[in-house]
Protein backbone atom coordinates (compact mmCIF):
# COMPACT_ATOMS: atom_id res chain seq x y z
CA MET A 1 28.14 -60.03 33.52
CA ASN A 2 28.85 -56.46 34.63
CA GLY A 3 25.12 -55.66 34.37
CA PHE A 4 24.71 -57.03 30.84
CA TYR A 5 23.16 -60.24 29.55
CA GLY A 6 24.32 -62.82 27.04
CA ILE A 7 23.65 -66.46 26.24
CA ILE A 8 25.76 -69.50 27.05
CA ASN A 9 25.58 -73.19 26.25
CA LYS A 10 25.34 -74.46 29.82
CA SER A 11 26.75 -77.91 28.98
CA THR A 12 30.05 -76.52 27.59
CA PHE A 13 30.45 -73.24 29.50
CA VAL A 14 33.54 -73.20 31.74
CA ASN A 15 35.25 -69.80 31.83
CA ALA A 16 33.37 -66.50 31.95
CA TYR A 17 36.57 -64.61 31.11
CA ASP A 18 36.91 -66.34 27.73
CA TYR A 19 34.58 -64.52 25.32
CA LYS A 20 34.59 -67.56 22.99
CA GLN A 21 32.70 -69.47 25.68
CA PHE A 22 29.56 -67.37 25.04
CA GLN A 23 26.95 -68.08 22.38
CA ILE A 24 26.12 -64.36 22.61
CA TYR A 25 28.56 -62.23 24.58
CA PRO A 26 26.98 -60.16 27.43
CA GLN A 27 26.27 -56.84 25.73
CA TYR A 28 22.52 -56.42 26.14
CA GLN A 29 20.47 -54.75 28.88
CA TYR A 30 17.74 -57.37 28.45
CA LEU A 31 17.23 -60.67 26.64
CA HIS A 32 14.06 -62.74 26.23
CA ILE A 33 13.97 -65.87 24.08
CA MET A 34 10.63 -66.02 22.28
CA GLU A 35 8.67 -69.25 22.12
CA GLY A 36 8.27 -70.40 18.55
CA ASP A 37 8.26 -73.37 16.21
CA ASP A 38 12.00 -73.28 15.43
CA VAL A 39 13.64 -74.15 18.76
CA SER A 40 17.12 -74.39 17.20
CA ASN A 41 16.96 -70.78 15.96
CA PRO A 42 14.62 -68.78 18.20
CA MET A 43 13.93 -65.07 17.94
CA ILE A 44 15.34 -63.14 20.91
CA VAL A 45 13.96 -59.80 22.08
CA ALA A 46 16.92 -57.71 23.21
CA SER A 47 17.51 -54.23 24.58
CA GLN A 48 20.55 -52.11 23.79
CA ASN A 49 21.03 -48.41 24.55
CA ASP A 50 17.49 -48.33 26.03
CA LEU A 51 15.87 -49.45 22.76
CA PHE A 52 14.43 -52.83 21.82
CA GLY A 53 15.14 -54.98 18.78
CA VAL A 54 15.26 -58.66 17.87
CA ILE A 55 18.33 -60.83 17.35
CA ASP A 56 18.82 -64.49 16.49
CA ILE A 57 20.92 -67.08 18.33
CA HIS A 58 23.95 -66.10 16.22
CA ASP A 59 23.69 -62.45 17.36
CA ASN A 60 22.47 -61.27 13.95
CA VAL A 61 20.13 -58.28 14.16
CA ILE A 62 16.71 -59.30 12.77
CA ILE A 63 14.75 -56.22 13.86
CA PRO A 64 16.82 -53.03 14.38
CA PHE A 65 17.07 -51.46 17.84
CA GLU A 66 14.59 -48.65 17.24
CA TYR A 67 11.58 -49.52 19.43
CA GLU A 68 10.69 -48.27 22.90
CA ASP A 69 8.92 -51.58 23.58
CA ILE A 70 8.37 -55.02 22.07
CA LYS A 71 5.70 -57.06 23.79
CA ARG A 72 6.64 -60.57 24.86
CA ASN A 73 3.31 -62.20 24.08
CA PHE A 74 2.15 -64.97 21.76
CA SER A 75 1.97 -62.79 18.63
CA TRP A 76 5.29 -64.26 17.44
CA LYS A 77 4.27 -67.88 18.05
CA LEU A 78 0.75 -67.51 16.68
CA GLY A 79 1.20 -65.08 13.80
CA LYS A 80 4.94 -64.63 13.23
CA MET A 81 4.55 -60.95 14.17
CA PHE A 82 6.03 -58.73 16.86
CA GLU A 83 3.86 -56.17 18.67
CA VAL A 84 6.01 -53.04 18.88
CA SER A 85 5.84 -49.39 19.89
CA LYS A 86 8.06 -46.42 19.13
CA ASP A 87 6.47 -44.22 21.81
CA GLY A 88 5.37 -46.75 24.47
CA LYS A 89 1.68 -45.95 23.84
CA SER A 90 0.70 -46.82 20.27
CA TYR A 91 1.44 -50.41 19.27
CA PHE A 92 1.50 -52.00 15.84
CA TYR A 93 2.66 -55.29 14.35
CA ILE A 94 5.81 -55.97 12.34
CA ASP A 95 7.10 -59.15 10.73
CA SER A 96 10.66 -60.48 10.84
CA HIS A 97 11.58 -58.13 7.96
CA ASN A 98 10.49 -55.06 10.01
CA GLN A 99 7.48 -54.59 7.71
CA ALA A 100 4.63 -52.86 9.58
CA TYR A 101 0.99 -54.04 9.49
């Protein structure tokens, strides 16, 4: 919507002009739902103001929007870690508490 992405529940979505119809209102430049074990509460890689972070399905910020890149690979599914970079060149791993490893 207007160049931004959000999340809807397709089975109940009727009116795009009613913000209550959205699970997550379109406010992000990018959204990618990560594959994981908890399908009812997945981690979602999002981009806002040209920086990446992670949100949950309730639009709570899990990882702050401070990274130039977050890889969308199997590191979340396999090791519960996100592969991130602050400069787009050097990558390191963080957990869901933004603790670096």
